[in-house]
Amino acid sequence: MAASDNSSDSIHFGFREVPKGEKAGLVRGVFDSVAENYDLMNDLMSGGVHRLWKAAMIDWLMPRKGQHLLDVAGGTGDIAFRFLDRVDGDGRVTVLDINHAMLSVGQDRAIDQGRLHGLDWVNGDAQKLPLRGKSVDAYTIAFGIRNVTDIPLALREAYRVLKPGGRFLCLEFSKVEAPLLKEFYDFYSFKLLPEIGGIVAKDKPSYEYLVESIRQFPDADRFADMLREAGFGQVKYRRLSGGIAALHSGWRL
């Protein structure tokens, strides 16, 4: 199933159809539940490889000193901290997340690591960014776009706030292509991962939703088309780990 159909009053929440107006609250409930175990969640869902994928994201972004990054759905600070480390602290990151619990985790982590400068923590919606147009140098979103109710709207908002010459980068789970890997991945995702989530995080339903949400997300080619439809140029993507995830890049030209 591809992105949301704007002509319908319902939308997918995992494999369920729900009224569009309810999805954001349902997603918020999932991340309220998993916030304290977010790193563990990503470790379980990627076998720990998400750390390498995030490093690859920063490598492709090639941050420069003095840049202003908007990191959306980045409440725990994972991407923001990597960005600031790459520019030796000479930069600014606005970390935006719709979920208060996720932002609290990130703020606590920042304090624990002595990161007191260059970070703004904003509770906000990817579909209605509280930033001026043409105000940021780069926009990143890692494992967050698939949870947005109206993905095309969020992409148009990303385009709006980027400066001309600004870069969009999205890291998201994608479609596995190799048959043998897909067979193993499906077994792990649908059979093992929810059980592990239930045992380790005491939250099997949230892990079931997260697995289902991955399967509902558009494949890499379709998502690249969505970026072009939002106005981005020089759109490219890289499949990671056999297609388990993909990195998407676009520019506001």
C-alpha atoms as a PDB file:
ATOM      1  CA  MET A   1       0.000   0.000   0.000  1.00  0.00           C
ATOM      2  CA  ALA A   2       1.379   3.385  -0.918  1.00  0.00           C
ATOM      3  CA  ALA A   3       1.076   6.732   0.776  1.00  0.00           C
ATOM      4  CA  SER A   4      -2.153   8.144   2.086  1.00  0.00           C
ATOM      5  CA  ASP A   5      -5.014   8.742  -0.330  1.00  0.00           C
ATOM      6  CA  ASN A   6      -6.066  12.346   0.232  1.00  0.00           C
ATOM      7  CA  SER A   7      -9.489  11.647  -1.272  1.00  0.00           C
ATOM      8  CA  SER A   8     -10.377   9.184   1.493  1.00  0.00           C
ATOM      9  CA  ASP A   9     -11.408   9.875   5.073  1.00  0.00           C
ATOM     10  CA  SER A  10      -9.454   6.862   6.321  1.00  0.00           C
ATOM     11  CA  ILE A  11      -5.806   5.907   6.382  1.00  0.00           C
ATOM     12  CA  HIS A  12      -3.731   2.926   7.391  1.00  0.00           C
ATOM     13  CA  PHE A  13      -2.457   2.507  10.924  1.00  0.00           C
ATOM     14  CA  GLY A  14      -0.355  -0.584  10.441  1.00  0.00           C
ATOM     15  CA  PHE A  15      -2.661  -3.016   8.684  1.00  0.00           C
ATOM     16  CA  ARG A  16      -5.804  -1.372  10.108  1.00  0.00           C
ATOM     17  CA  GLU A  17      -7.813   1.394   8.470  1.00  0.00           C
ATOM     18  CA  VAL A  18      -8.598   4.265  10.850  1.00  0.00           C
ATOM     19  CA  PRO A  19     -10.095   7.747  10.428  1.00  0.00           C
ATOM     20  CA  LYS A  20      -7.402  10.185   9.326  1.00  0.00           C
ATOM     21  CA  GLY A  21      -7.981  12.381  12.343  1.00  0.00           C
ATOM     22  CA  GLU A  22      -7.144   9.514  14.703  1.00  0.00           C
ATOM     23  CA  LYS A  23      -3.817   8.373  13.276  1.00  0.00           C
ATOM     24  CA  ALA A  24      -1.605  11.030  14.884  1.00  0.00           C
ATOM     25  CA  GLY A  25      -2.967  10.214  18.333  1.00  0.00           C
ATOM     26  CA  LEU A  26      -2.513   6.484  17.793  1.00  0.00           C
ATOM     27  CA  VAL A  27       1.074   6.979  16.619  1.00  0.00           C
ATOM     28  CA  ARG A  28       1.728   9.260  19.587  1.00  0.00           C
ATOM     29  CA  GLY A  29       0.521   6.491  21.879  1.00  0.00           C
ATOM     30  CA  VAL A  30       2.969   4.030  20.334  1.00  0.00           C
ATOM     31  CA  PHE A  31       5.922   6.344  20.834  1.00  0.00           C
ATOM     32  CA  ASP A  32       4.818   7.339  24.336  1.00  0.00           C
ATOM     33  CA  SER A  33       5.062   3.628  25.079  1.00  0.00           C
ATOM     34  CA  VAL A  34       8.435   2.961  23.430  1.00  0.00           C
ATOM     35  CA  ALA A  35      10.243   6.256  24.128  1.00  0.00           C
ATOM     36  CA  GLU A  36      12.330   4.956  27.005  1.00  0.00           C
ATOM     37  CA  ASN A  37      13.327   1.921  24.942  1.00  0.00           C
ATOM     38  CA  TYR A  38      13.729   3.695  21.596  1.00  0.00           C
ATOM     39  CA  ASP A  39      17.368   2.734  21.036  1.00  0.00           C
ATOM     40  CA  LEU A  40      16.533  -0.822  22.026  1.00  0.00           C
ATOM     41  CA  MET A  41      13.590  -0.757  19.625  1.00  0.00           C
ATOM     42  CA  ASN A  42      15.810   0.274  16.716  1.00  0.00           C
ATOM     43  CA  ASP A  43      18.415  -2.308  17.718  1.00  0.00           C
ATOM     44  CA  LEU A  44      15.755  -5.019  17.664  1.00  0.00           C
ATOM     45  CA  MET A  45      14.249  -3.864  14.362  1.00  0.00           C
ATOM     46  CA  SER A  46      17.580  -3.547  12.556  1.00  0.00           C
ATOM     47  CA  GLY A  47      19.840  -5.969  14.392  1.00  0.00           C
ATOM     48  CA  GLY A  48      21.849  -2.970  15.589  1.00  0.00           C
ATOM     49  CA  VAL A  49      22.656  -1.922  12.030  1.00  0.00           C
ATOM     50  CA  HIS A  50      20.635   1.316  12.374  1.00  0.00           C
ATOM     51  CA  ARG A  51      23.732   2.893  13.912  1.00  0.00           C
ATOM     52  CA  LEU A  52      25.686   2.262  10.709  1.00  0.00           C
ATOM     53  CA  TRP A  53      22.779   3.534   8.615  1.00  0.00           C
ATOM     54  CA  LYS A  54      22.656   6.778  10.616  1.00  0.00           C
ATOM     55  CA  ALA A  55      26.403   7.203  10.194  1.00  0.00           C
ATOM     56  CA  ALA A  56      25.917   6.726   6.441  1.00  0.00           C
ATOM     57  CA  MET A  57      23.194   9.380   6.519  1.00  0.00           C
ATOM     58  CA  ILE A  58      25.550  11.927   8.080  1.00  0.00           C
ATOM     59  CA  ASP A  59      28.321  10.933   5.653  1.00  0.00           C
ATOM     60  CA  TRP A  60      26.024  11.612   2.688  1.00  0.00           C
ATOM     61  CA  LEU A  61      24.811  14.882   4.199  1.00  0.00           C
ATOM     62  CA  MET A  62      28.427  16.116   4.525  1.00  0.00           C
ATOM     63  CA  PRO A  63      27.638  18.743   7.204  1.00  0.00           C
ATOM     64  CA  ARG A  64      29.538  22.009   7.157  1.00  0.00           C
ATOM     65  CA  LYS A  65      30.299  24.305  10.041  1.00  0.00           C
ATOM     66  CA  GLY A  66      27.766  27.046  10.614  1.00  0.00           C
ATOM     67  CA  GLN A  67      24.848  25.128   9.114  1.00  0.00           C
ATOM     68  CA  HIS A  68      21.360  25.021  10.600  1.00  0.00           C
ATOM     69  CA  LEU A  69      19.835  21.532  10.515  1.00  0.00           C
ATOM     70  CA  LEU A  70      16.181  20.734  11.102  1.00  0.00           C
ATOM     71  CA  ASP A  71      15.895  17.150  12.324  1.00  0.00           C
ATOM     72  CA  VAL A  72      12.270  16.041  12.246  1.00  0.00           C
ATOM     73  CA  ALA A  73      10.969  13.138  14.340  1.00  0.00           C
ATOM     74  CA  GLY A  74      14.383  13.234  15.969  1.00  0.00           C
ATOM     75  CA  GLY A  75      13.332  13.535  19.596  1.00  0.00           C
ATOM     76  CA  THR A  76      15.997  11.263  21.053  1.00  0.00           C
ATOM     77  CA  GLY A  77      18.785  13.336  19.497  1.00  0.00           C
ATOM     78  CA  ASP A  78      20.494  10.535  17.561  1.00  0.00           C
ATOM     79  CA  ILE A  79      20.931  12.466  14.320  1.00  0.00           C
ATOM     80  CA  ALA A  80      21.363  15.851  15.995  1.00  0.00           C
ATOM     81  CA  PHE A  81      24.270  14.658  18.129  1.00  0.00           C
ATOM     82  CA  ARG A  82      25.989  13.070  15.135  1.00  0.00           C
ATOM     83  CA  PHE A  83      25.597  16.290  13.152  1.00  0.00           C
ATOM     84  CA  LEU A  84      27.061  18.466  15.913  1.00  0.00           C
ATOM     85  CA  ASP A  85      29.960  16.065  16.428  1.00  0.00           C
ATOM     86  CA  ARG A  86      30.745  16.222  12.695  1.00  0.00           C
ATOM     87  CA  VAL A  87      30.906  20.048  12.719  1.00  0.00           C
ATOM     88  CA  ASP A  88      32.795  20.199  16.051  1.00  0.00           C
ATOM     89  CA  GLY A  89      29.845  21.928  17.677  1.00  0.00           C
ATOM     90  CA  ASP A  90      29.897  24.810  15.177  1.00  0.00           C
ATOM     91  CA  GLY A  91      26.333  24.494  13.991  1.00  0.00           C
ATOM     92  CA  ARG A  92      22.741  24.562  15.124  1.00  0.00           C
ATOM     93  CA  VAL A  93      20.115  21.834  15.207  1.00  0.00           C
ATOM     94  CA  THR A  94      16.404  22.307  15.680  1.00  0.00           C
ATOM     95  CA  VAL A  95      15.125  18.953  16.902  1.00  0.00           C
ATOM     96  CA  LEU A  96      11.412  18.699  16.185  1.00  0.00           C
ATOM     97  CA  ASP A  97       9.165  15.896  17.366  1.00  0.00           C
ATOM     98  CA  ILE A  98       5.421  15.595  17.818  1.00  0.00           C
ATOM     99  CA  ASN A  99       5.952  13.408  20.861  1.00  0.00           C
ATOM    100  CA  HIS A 100       6.779  14.987  24.232  1.00  0.00           C
ATOM    101  CA  ALA A 101       8.114  11.721  25.648  1.00  0.00           C
ATOM    102  CA  MET A 102      10.647  11.345  22.851  1.00  0.00           C
ATOM    103  CA  LEU A 103      11.842  14.942  23.298  1.00  0.00           C
ATOM    104  CA  SER A 104      12.257  14.349  27.019  1.00  0.00           C
ATOM    105  CA  VAL A 105      14.496  11.364  26.309  1.00  0.00           C
ATOM    106  CA  GLY A 106      16.633  13.447  23.953  1.00  0.00           C
ATOM    107  CA  GLN A 107      16.925  16.379  26.333  1.00  0.00           C
ATOM    108  CA  ASP A 108      17.969  14.076  29.166  1.00  0.00           C
ATOM    109  CA  ARG A 109      20.567  12.459  26.930  1.00  0.00           C
ATOM    110  CA  ALA A 110      21.908  15.858  25.876  1.00  0.00           C
ATOM    111  CA  ILE A 111      22.300  16.940  29.512  1.00  0.00           C
ATOM    112  CA  ASP A 112      23.961  13.643  30.429  1.00  0.00           C
ATOM    113  CA  GLN A 113      26.457  14.147  27.593  1.00  0.00           C
ATOM    114  CA  GLY A 114      27.106  17.790  28.432  1.00  0.00           C
ATOM    115  CA  ARG A 115      25.521  19.066  25.219  1.00  0.00           C
ATOM    116  CA  LEU A 116      24.301  22.463  26.355  1.00  0.00           C
ATOM    117  CA  HIS A 117      24.676  24.526  23.183  1.00  0.00           C
ATOM    118  CA  GLY A 118      23.499  24.386  19.570  1.00  0.00           C
ATOM    119  CA  LEU A 119      20.286  22.471  20.241  1.00  0.00           C
ATOM    120  CA  ASP A 120      16.690  23.700  20.136  1.00  0.00           C
ATOM    121  CA  TRP A 121      13.986  21.239  21.190  1.00  0.00           C
ATOM    122  CA  VAL A 122      10.607  21.874  19.579  1.00  0.00           C
ATOM    123  CA  ASN A 123       7.326  20.034  20.003  1.00  0.00           C
ATOM    124  CA  GLY A 124       5.783  20.258  16.548  1.00  0.00           C
ATOM    125  CA  ASP A 125       4.178  18.539  13.580  1.00  0.00           C
ATOM    126  CA  ALA A 126       6.023  17.590  10.366  1.00  0.00           C
ATOM    127  CA  GLN A 127       2.860  18.568   8.469  1.00  0.00           C
ATOM    128  CA  LYS A 128       2.872  22.124   9.831  1.00  0.00           C
ATOM    129  CA  LEU A 129       6.418  23.137  10.678  1.00  0.00           C
ATOM    130  CA  PRO A 130       6.713  26.130  13.028  1.00  0.00           C
ATOM    131  CA  LEU A 131       9.595  27.605  11.016  1.00  0.00           C
ATOM    132  CA  ARG A 132       9.889  30.386   8.467  1.00  0.00           C
ATOM    133  CA  GLY A 133      10.185  29.533   4.802  1.00  0.00           C
ATOM    134  CA  LYS A 134      13.713  29.217   3.414  1.00  0.00           C
ATOM    135  CA  SER A 135      15.230  29.194   6.915  1.00  0.00           C
ATOM    136  CA  VAL A 136      17.272  25.970   7.257  1.00  0.00           C
ATOM    137  CA  ASP A 137      20.265  24.551   5.404  1.00  0.00           C
ATOM    138  CA  ALA A 138      19.323  20.896   5.744  1.00  0.00           C
ATOM    139  CA  TYR A 139      16.357  18.747   6.743  1.00  0.00           C
ATOM    140  CA  THR A 140      16.711  15.201   8.030  1.00  0.00           C
ATOM    141  CA  ILE A 141      14.176  12.635   9.146  1.00  0.00           C
ATOM    142  CA  ALA A 142      15.153   9.128  10.267  1.00  0.00           C
ATOM    143  CA  PHE A 143      12.520   6.430  10.701  1.00  0.00           C
ATOM    144  CA  GLY A 144       9.768   9.014  11.085  1.00  0.00           C
ATOM    145  CA  ILE A 145       8.209   9.776   7.712  1.00  0.00           C
ATOM    146  CA  ARG A 146       6.207   6.551   7.561  1.00  0.00           C
ATOM    147  CA  ASN A 147       4.315   7.556  10.723  1.00  0.00           C
ATOM    148  CA  VAL A 148       3.114  10.865   9.268  1.00  0.00           C
ATOM    149  CA  THR A 149      -0.572  10.999   8.337  1.00  0.00           C
ATOM    150  CA  ASP A 150      -0.124  13.053   5.147  1.00  0.00           C
ATOM    151  CA  ILE A 151       3.319  12.293   3.735  1.00  0.00           C
ATOM    152  CA  PRO A 152       3.032  14.529   0.631  1.00  0.00           C
ATOM    153  CA  LEU A 153       2.109  17.478   2.874  1.00  0.00           C
ATOM    154  CA  ALA A 154       5.126  16.804   5.115  1.00  0.00           C
ATOM    155  CA  LEU A 155       7.390  16.734   2.049  1.00  0.00           C
ATOM    156  CA  ARG A 156       5.997  20.042   0.823  1.00  0.00           C
ATOM    157  CA  GLU A 157       6.665  21.513   4.266  1.00  0.00           C
ATOM    158  CA  ALA A 158      10.231  20.229   4.129  1.00  0.00           C
ATOM    159  CA  TYR A 159      10.680  21.940   0.775  1.00  0.00           C
ATOM    160  CA  ARG A 160       9.151  25.174   2.113  1.00  0.00           C
ATOM    161  CA  VAL A 161      11.541  25.589   5.054  1.00  0.00           C
ATOM    162  CA  LEU A 162      14.728  24.701   3.154  1.00  0.00           C
ATOM    163  CA  LYS A 163      16.874  27.495   1.776  1.00  0.00           C
ATOM    164  CA  PRO A 164      17.569  27.410  -1.968  1.00  0.00           C
ATOM    165  CA  GLY A 165      20.413  24.911  -2.284  1.00  0.00           C
ATOM    166  CA  GLY A 166      19.233  23.163   0.892  1.00  0.00           C
ATOM    167  CA  ARG A 167      19.361  19.392   1.258  1.00  0.00           C
ATOM    168  CA  PHE A 168      16.680  16.891   2.261  1.00  0.00           C
ATOM    169  CA  LEU A 169      17.709  13.478   3.574  1.00  0.00           C
ATOM    170  CA  CYS A 170      15.382  10.728   4.740  1.00  0.00           C
ATOM    171  CA  LEU A 171      16.381   7.384   6.265  1.00  0.00           C
ATOM    172  CA  GLU A 172      13.534   4.906   6.340  1.00  0.00           C
ATOM    173  CA  PHE A 173      12.847   1.202   6.283  1.00  0.00           C
ATOM    174  CA  SER A 174      12.122   0.028   2.747  1.00  0.00           C
ATOM    175  CA  LYS A 175      11.310  -3.029   0.640  1.00  0.00           C
ATOM    176  CA  VAL A 176      13.662  -6.017   0.655  1.00  0.00           C
ATOM    177  CA  GLU A 177      14.250  -7.315  -2.860  1.00  0.00           C
ATOM    178  CA  ALA A 178      16.446 -10.425  -2.523  1.00  0.00           C
ATOM    179  CA  PRO A 179      14.039 -13.406  -2.173  1.00  0.00           C
ATOM    180  CA  LEU A 180      15.994 -15.299   0.491  1.00  0.00           C
ATOM    181  CA  LEU A 181      16.630 -12.185   2.560  1.00  0.00           C
ATOM    182  CA  LYS A 182      12.971 -11.184   2.219  1.00  0.00           C
ATOM    183  CA  GLU A 183      11.814 -14.581   3.455  1.00  0.00           C
ATOM    184  CA  PHE A 184      14.038 -14.383   6.540  1.00  0.00           C
ATOM    185  CA  TYR A 185      13.173 -10.716   7.127  1.00  0.00           C
ATOM    186  CA  ASP A 186       9.432 -11.399   6.989  1.00  0.00           C
ATOM    187  CA  PHE A 187       9.768 -14.289   9.430  1.00  0.00           C
ATOM    188  CA  TYR A 188      11.848 -12.207  11.814  1.00  0.00           C
ATOM    189  CA  SER A 189       9.593  -9.143  11.518  1.00  0.00           C
ATOM    190  CA  PHE A 190       6.197 -10.786  11.884  1.00  0.00           C
ATOM    191  CA  LYS A 191       6.997 -13.777  14.079  1.00  0.00           C
ATOM    192  CA  LEU A 192      10.017 -12.989  16.234  1.00  0.00           C
ATOM    193  CA  LEU A 193      10.210  -9.219  16.650  1.00  0.00           C
ATOM    194  CA  PRO A 194       6.787  -8.673  18.297  1.00  0.00           C
ATOM    195  CA  GLU A 195       7.501 -11.517  20.703  1.00  0.00           C
ATOM    196  CA  ILE A 196      10.887 -10.036  21.569  1.00  0.00           C
ATOM    197  CA  GLY A 197       9.271  -6.621  22.016  1.00  0.00           C
ATOM    198  CA  GLY A 198       6.733  -8.151  24.346  1.00  0.00           C
ATOM    199  CA  ILE A 199       9.405  -9.793  26.455  1.00  0.00           C
ATOM    200  CA  VAL A 200      12.063  -7.062  26.496  1.00  0.00           C
ATOM    201  CA  ALA A 201       9.965  -3.887  26.305  1.00  0.00           C
ATOM    202  CA  LYS A 202       6.696  -5.345  27.647  1.00  0.00           C
ATOM    203  CA  ASP A 203       4.892  -3.935  24.618  1.00  0.00           C
ATOM    204  CA  LYS A 204       4.063  -6.426  21.885  1.00  0.00           C
ATOM    205  CA  PRO A 205       1.289  -4.354  20.175  1.00  0.00           C
ATOM    206  CA  SER A 206       3.562  -1.361  19.541  1.00  0.00           C
ATOM    207  CA  TYR A 207       6.126  -3.594  17.849  1.00  0.00           C
ATOM    208  CA  GLU A 208       3.399  -5.195  15.740  1.00  0.00           C
ATOM    209  CA  TYR A 209       2.353  -1.726  14.556  1.00  0.00           C
ATOM    210  CA  LEU A 210       5.932  -0.720  13.768  1.00  0.00           C
ATOM    211  CA  VAL A 211       6.456  -3.819  11.631  1.00  0.00           C
ATOM    212  CA  GLU A 212       3.171  -3.266   9.814  1.00  0.00           C
ATOM    213  CA  SER A 213       3.936   0.416   9.217  1.00  0.00           C
ATOM    214  CA  ILE A 214       7.151  -0.562   7.420  1.00  0.00           C
ATOM    215  CA  ARG A 215       5.200  -2.794   5.026  1.00  0.00           C
ATOM    216  CA  GLN A 216       2.743   0.008   4.269  1.00  0.00           C
ATOM    217  CA  PHE A 217       5.435   2.521   3.334  1.00  0.00           C
ATOM    218  CA  PRO A 218       6.008   3.155  -0.400  1.00  0.00           C
ATOM    219  CA  ASP A 219       8.924   1.421  -2.092  1.00  0.00           C
ATOM    220  CA  ALA A 220      12.063   3.411  -2.895  1.00  0.00           C
ATOM    221  CA  ASP A 221      11.058   4.301  -6.448  1.00  0.00           C
ATOM    222  CA  ARG A 222       7.617   5.537  -5.438  1.00  0.00           C
ATOM    223  CA  PHE A 223       9.003   7.592  -2.549  1.00  0.00           C
ATOM    224  CA  ALA A 224      11.536   9.158  -4.926  1.00  0.00           C
ATOM    225  CA  ASP A 225       8.610  10.147  -7.167  1.00  0.00           C
ATOM    226  CA  MET A 226       6.889  11.718  -4.155  1.00  0.00           C
ATOM    227  CA  LEU A 227       9.971  13.847  -3.502  1.00  0.00           C
ATOM    228  CA  ARG A 228       9.944  15.070  -7.100  1.00  0.00           C
ATOM    229  CA  GLU A 229       6.219  15.832  -6.834  1.00  0.00           C
ATOM    230  CA  ALA A 230       6.980  17.972  -3.750  1.00  0.00           C
ATOM    231  CA  GLY A 231       9.406  20.033  -5.837  1.00  0.00           C
ATOM    232  CA  PHE A 232      12.787  18.495  -5.016  1.00  0.00           C
ATOM    233  CA  GLY A 233      15.485  18.179  -7.659  1.00  0.00           C
ATOM    234  CA  GLN A 234      18.436  15.828  -8.097  1.00  0.00           C
ATOM    235  CA  VAL A 235      16.484  13.128  -6.275  1.00  0.00           C
ATOM    236  CA  LYS A 236      18.496  10.000  -5.556  1.00  0.00           C
ATOM    237  CA  TYR A 237      18.355   7.067  -3.194  1.00  0.00           C
ATOM    238  CA  ARG A 238      20.623   4.357  -1.875  1.00  0.00           C
ATOM    239  CA  ARG A 239      19.391   0.970  -0.734  1.00  0.00           C
ATOM    240  CA  LEU A 240      21.007  -0.221   2.490  1.00  0.00           C
ATOM    241  CA  SER A 241      21.489  -3.796   3.704  1.00  0.00           C
ATOM    242  CA  GLY A 242      19.731  -5.414   0.767  1.00  0.00           C
ATOM    243  CA  GLY A 243      16.857  -2.947   0.818  1.00  0.00           C
ATOM    244  CA  ILE A 244      15.920  -3.277   4.490  1.00  0.00           C
ATOM    245  CA  ALA A 245      16.355   0.490   4.605  1.00  0.00           C
ATOM    246  CA  ALA A 246      16.902   3.268   2.093  1.00  0.00           C
ATOM    247  CA  LEU A 247      18.476   6.715   2.156  1.00  0.00           C
ATOM    248  CA  HIS A 248      16.681   9.326   0.058  1.00  0.00           C
ATOM    249  CA  SER A 249      18.214  12.629  -0.996  1.00  0.00           C
ATOM    250  CA  GLY A 250      16.740  15.697  -2.658  1.00  0.00           C
ATOM    251  CA  TRP A 251      17.667  19.344  -3.081  1.00  0.00           C
ATOM    252  CA  ARG A 252      15.725  22.590  -3.115  1.00  0.00           C
ATOM    253  CA  LEU A 253      17.211  24.077  -6.272  1.00  0.00           C
END
